[in-house]
Protein backbone atom coordinates (compact mmCIF):
# COMPACT_ATOMS: atom_id res chain seq x y z
CA MET A 1 -19.08 19.47 7.06
CA THR A 2 -22.59 18.13 7.77
CA PHE A 3 -24.78 15.83 5.72
CA GLN A 4 -28.43 15.06 5.39
CA ARG A 5 -29.38 11.42 5.01
CA ALA A 6 -28.52 10.06 1.56
CA ARG A 7 -31.64 9.42 -0.51
CA SER A 8 -30.13 7.76 -3.58
CA GLU A 9 -27.27 5.49 -4.53
CA GLU A 10 -25.53 8.48 -6.09
CA HIS A 11 -25.73 10.38 -2.82
CA ARG A 12 -24.51 7.34 -0.92
CA GLU A 13 -21.48 7.16 -3.17
CA ILE A 14 -20.78 10.85 -2.62
CA ARG A 15 -20.96 10.21 1.11
CA ARG A 16 -18.63 7.21 0.89
CA ARG A 17 -16.15 9.23 -1.14
CA ALA A 18 -16.19 12.02 1.44
CA ILE A 19 -15.45 9.51 4.21
CA LEU A 20 -12.55 8.00 2.25
CA ASP A 21 -11.15 11.43 1.38
CA THR A 22 -11.29 12.44 5.03
CA ALA A 23 -9.54 9.25 6.14
CA SER A 24 -6.86 9.85 3.51
CA ALA A 25 -6.31 13.39 4.79
CA MET A 26 -6.03 12.10 8.36
CA LEU A 27 -3.21 9.80 7.27
CA GLU A 28 -1.20 12.93 6.47
CA ASP A 29 -1.18 13.76 10.18
CA MET A 30 -1.22 10.40 11.94
CA PRO A 31 -0.45 6.71 11.36
CA VAL A 32 -3.16 4.15 10.69
CA GLY A 33 -3.16 2.99 14.32
CA GLU A 34 -4.22 6.41 15.61
CA ILE A 35 -7.25 6.84 13.35
CA THR A 36 -10.48 6.18 15.23
CA LEU A 37 -14.05 5.94 14.00
CA ASN A 38 -15.05 8.63 16.50
CA GLU A 39 -12.57 11.15 15.14
CA LEU A 40 -13.29 10.19 11.55
CA SER A 41 -17.04 10.65 12.05
CA ARG A 42 -16.42 14.02 13.74
CA ARG A 43 -14.33 15.29 10.83
CA VAL A 44 -16.80 14.00 8.24
CA GLY A 45 -19.74 15.53 10.09
CA LEU A 46 -21.73 12.33 10.57
CA ALA A 47 -22.79 10.61 13.74
CA LYS A 48 -20.88 7.40 14.45
CA SER A 49 -24.11 5.42 14.05
CA ALA A 50 -24.70 7.07 10.66
CA MET A 51 -21.17 6.20 9.54
CA ARG A 52 -22.04 2.52 9.88
CA ARG A 53 -24.59 2.89 7.10
CA TYR A 54 -21.63 3.33 4.74
CA PHE A 55 -18.85 1.32 6.37
CA GLU A 56 -19.17 -1.46 8.91
CA SER A 57 -16.07 -0.44 10.87
CA ARG A 58 -12.98 1.74 10.96
CA GLU A 59 -11.04 -1.13 9.40
CA ALA A 60 -13.53 -1.34 6.55
CA VAL A 61 -12.98 2.35 5.77
CA LEU A 62 -9.22 1.93 5.69
CA LEU A 63 -9.41 -1.29 3.70
CA ASP A 64 -11.46 0.49 1.03
CA LEU A 65 -8.97 3.35 1.10
CA LEU A 66 -6.11 0.89 0.58
CA ASP A 67 -7.98 -0.58 -2.38
CA VAL A 68 -8.42 2.86 -3.97
CA GLN A 69 -4.85 3.98 -3.37
CA LEU A 70 -3.30 0.71 -4.54
CA HIS A 71 -5.30 0.82 -7.78
CA ARG A 72 -4.23 4.44 -8.31
CA TRP A 73 -0.58 3.62 -7.62
CA VAL A 74 -0.62 0.68 -10.04
CA ALA A 75 -2.05 2.94 -12.75
CA GLU A 76 0.73 5.47 -12.12
CA ILE A 77 3.58 2.97 -12.06
CA SER A 78 2.22 1.26 -15.18
CA VAL A 79 2.51 4.53 -17.10
CA GLN A 80 6.10 4.96 -15.92
CA LEU A 81 6.91 1.42 -17.06
CA SER A 82 5.32 1.89 -20.47
CA ASP A 83 8.34 3.73 -21.86
CA GLY A 84 10.82 1.52 -23.66
CA ASP A 85 14.05 0.86 -21.81
CA GLY A 86 17.04 -0.91 -23.27
CA GLY A 87 19.84 -2.83 -21.63
CA ARG A 88 20.32 -6.30 -20.27
CA ALA A 89 17.66 -7.93 -18.15
CA ARG A 90 19.73 -7.46 -14.98
CA GLU A 91 20.10 -3.73 -15.68
CA ARG A 92 16.40 -3.32 -16.37
CA GLY A 93 15.65 -5.25 -13.20
CA ASP A 94 17.78 -2.86 -11.16
CA ARG A 95 16.07 0.13 -12.74
CA LEU A 96 12.68 -1.43 -12.01
CA ALA A 97 13.63 -1.86 -8.35
CA ALA A 98 14.80 1.75 -8.13
CA LEU A 99 11.67 3.07 -9.83
CA VAL A 100 9.31 1.14 -7.56
CA SER A 101 11.15 2.07 -4.35
CA ARG A 102 11.17 5.79 -5.21
CA SER A 103 7.50 5.65 -6.11
CA MET A 104 6.59 3.91 -2.85
CA LEU A 105 8.55 6.49 -0.85
CA ARG A 106 6.43 9.22 -2.42
CA ASN A 107 3.25 7.35 -1.43
CA SER A 108 3.63 7.14 2.34
CA ARG A 109 -0.11 6.74 2.98
CA LEU A 110 -0.22 3.71 0.72
CA CYS A 111 2.80 2.19 2.48
CA ASP A 112 1.23 2.73 5.89
CA LEU A 113 -1.97 1.01 4.75
CA ILE A 114 -0.09 -1.91 3.18
CA ALA A 115 1.85 -2.39 6.42
CA ALA A 116 -1.39 -2.45 8.44
CA GLN A 117 -3.34 -4.71 6.07
CA PRO A 118 -2.77 -8.24 7.47
CA GLY A 119 -2.53 -7.48 11.17
CA VAL A 120 -5.13 -4.70 11.48
CA LEU A 121 -7.25 -3.92 8.44
CA GLU A 122 -8.31 -7.49 7.67
CA HIS A 123 -9.83 -7.80 11.15
CA ASN A 124 -13.21 -6.49 12.27
CA VAL A 125 -14.59 -6.71 8.73
CA SER A 126 -17.11 -9.14 7.29
CA ALA A 127 -16.11 -12.05 5.08
CA GLU A 128 -18.11 -10.44 2.28
CA GLY A 129 -16.24 -7.15 2.60
CA LEU A 130 -12.87 -8.90 2.75
CA LEU A 131 -13.72 -11.01 -0.30
CA ARG A 132 -14.58 -7.87 -2.24
CA PHE A 133 -11.26 -6.31 -1.25
CA LYS A 134 -9.24 -9.44 -2.10
CA ARG A 135 -10.80 -9.66 -5.55
CA SER A 136 -10.03 -6.02 -6.27
CA THR A 137 -6.46 -6.43 -5.02
CA HIS A 138 -6.07 -9.50 -7.22
CA THR A 139 -7.03 -7.33 -10.19
CA SER A 140 -4.61 -4.55 -9.20
CA ILE A 141 -1.71 -6.99 -8.81
CA GLY A 142 -2.58 -8.44 -12.21
CA MET A 143 -2.36 -4.98 -13.77
CA PHE A 144 0.95 -4.35 -12.03
CA ALA A 145 2.30 -7.71 -13.20
CA GLU A 146 1.29 -7.03 -16.78
CA ALA A 147 3.15 -3.71 -16.77
CA VAL A 148 6.22 -5.36 -15.23
CA ARG A 149 6.09 -8.19 -17.78
CA ARG A 150 6.09 -5.67 -20.62
CA TYR A 151 9.08 -3.87 -19.10
CA LEU A 152 10.96 -7.05 -18.19
CA PRO A 153 9.55 -9.91 -20.30
CA GLU A 154 12.30 -12.22 -19.06
CA LEU A 155 10.32 -12.58 -15.82
CA GLY A 156 7.53 -14.31 -17.72
CA GLU A 157 4.79 -15.78 -15.54
CA ASP A 158 6.87 -15.09 -12.42
CA SER A 159 6.11 -11.38 -12.78
CA ARG A 160 2.95 -11.82 -10.73
CA SER A 161 4.73 -13.41 -7.78
CA VAL A 162 7.41 -10.71 -7.93
CA CYS A 163 4.69 -8.03 -7.82
CA ALA A 164 2.86 -9.70 -4.94
CA MET A 165 6.09 -10.01 -2.97
CA THR A 166 6.85 -6.36 -3.71
CA LEU A 167 3.79 -5.39 -1.67
CA VAL A 168 4.67 -7.80 1.14
CA VAL A 169 8.24 -6.50 1.35
CA THR A 170 7.03 -2.89 1.20
CA GLY A 171 4.74 -3.43 4.18
CA ALA A 172 7.40 -5.21 6.24
CA LEU A 173 10.16 -2.68 5.57
CA TRP A 174 7.82 0.26 6.18
CA THR A 175 7.03 -1.11 9.64
CA TYR A 176 10.66 -1.74 10.59
CA ALA A 177 11.82 1.59 9.14
CA HIS A 178 9.44 3.47 11.46
CA PRO A 179 10.39 2.20 14.93
CA SER A 180 8.78 3.30 18.18
CA ALA A 181 10.27 6.01 20.36
CA SER A 182 11.55 3.32 22.71
CA ALA A 183 13.30 1.50 19.86
CA LEU A 184 14.96 4.74 18.76
CA ALA A 185 16.10 5.35 22.33
CA VAL A 186 17.69 1.91 22.40
CA GLY A 187 19.71 2.74 19.29
CA GLU A 188 20.89 5.98 20.87
CA ALA A 189 21.83 4.23 24.10
CA ASP A 190 23.88 1.56 22.33
CA PRO A 191 25.49 2.72 19.07
CA ALA A 192 26.29 -0.90 18.21
CA LEU A 193 22.57 -1.43 17.63
CA ALA A 194 22.16 1.55 15.31
CA GLY A 195 22.69 -0.74 12.31
CA LEU A 196 19.35 -2.37 13.04
CA HIS A 197 17.58 0.78 11.84
CA LEU A 198 16.43 0.51 8.23
CA ASP A 199 16.40 3.08 5.45
CA PHE A 200 13.08 2.39 3.76
CA ALA A 201 13.81 3.51 0.20
CA ALA A 202 17.38 2.21 0.03
CA ASP A 203 16.58 -1.14 1.64
CA LEU A 204 13.44 -1.60 -0.46
CA GLU A 205 15.42 -0.96 -3.65
CA THR A 206 18.14 -3.42 -2.62
CA THR A 207 15.64 -6.11 -1.60
CA LEU A 208 13.59 -5.78 -4.78
CA ALA A 209 16.73 -5.83 -6.94
CA ARG A 210 17.80 -9.07 -5.28
CA LEU A 211 14.30 -10.54 -5.65
CA ILE A 212 14.22 -9.71 -9.36
CA THR A 213 17.80 -10.86 -9.98
CA GLY A 214 17.18 -14.12 -8.16
CA THR A 215 13.98 -14.76 -10.10
CA LEU A 216 15.74 -14.09 -13.40
CA ALA A 217 18.60 -16.45 -12.43
CA ARG A 218 16.20 -19.25 -11.46
CA ARG A 219 14.34 -18.91 -14.74
CA ALA A 220 17.58 -18.92 -16.71
CA GLY A 221 18.94 -21.92 -14.79
């Protein structure tokens, strides 16, 4: 794929979308940490210097990709939560935790980006770019919270904090559930340490269920 220089805002947006789509495809083959601007520019068909006309850095590309994928995921999960669901609040909370964990497991690229956000993606970007991302994320979390509040109204205004913590927990568990080769070797060398390995989906469901149950109990108490 090769491009001529964009001559209009429409063409610039097409170019930006191609860069984001290429980065997303790369995440199918490699983790965030292995994606470089050199390889990204090669696959897009733009010189590295030309890439900087659309994104200031590799991190800026991936931060925009996180924004797009998070917004898309929130839209999808909101549809799944729109169906009525009976039962006690605790039961609906458990089903909510199971639904979110299964959905996150199916969206591995999103999980990888969430895990990299604070320690990697929020560095080497301008304050202006980070502010734009934070505002968009704030909107996405608000949409997620509104869907959760409709599904589990007992959470009330705490639905937003539950949703925000869902993303934090997802990123942390994703990191720990994908240990390095050395960490895996340690577990094989000492079976007593095998219990330190996490099962992402199962542990995310359990943690979210406890978070929701605890929030419901505090509101009731």
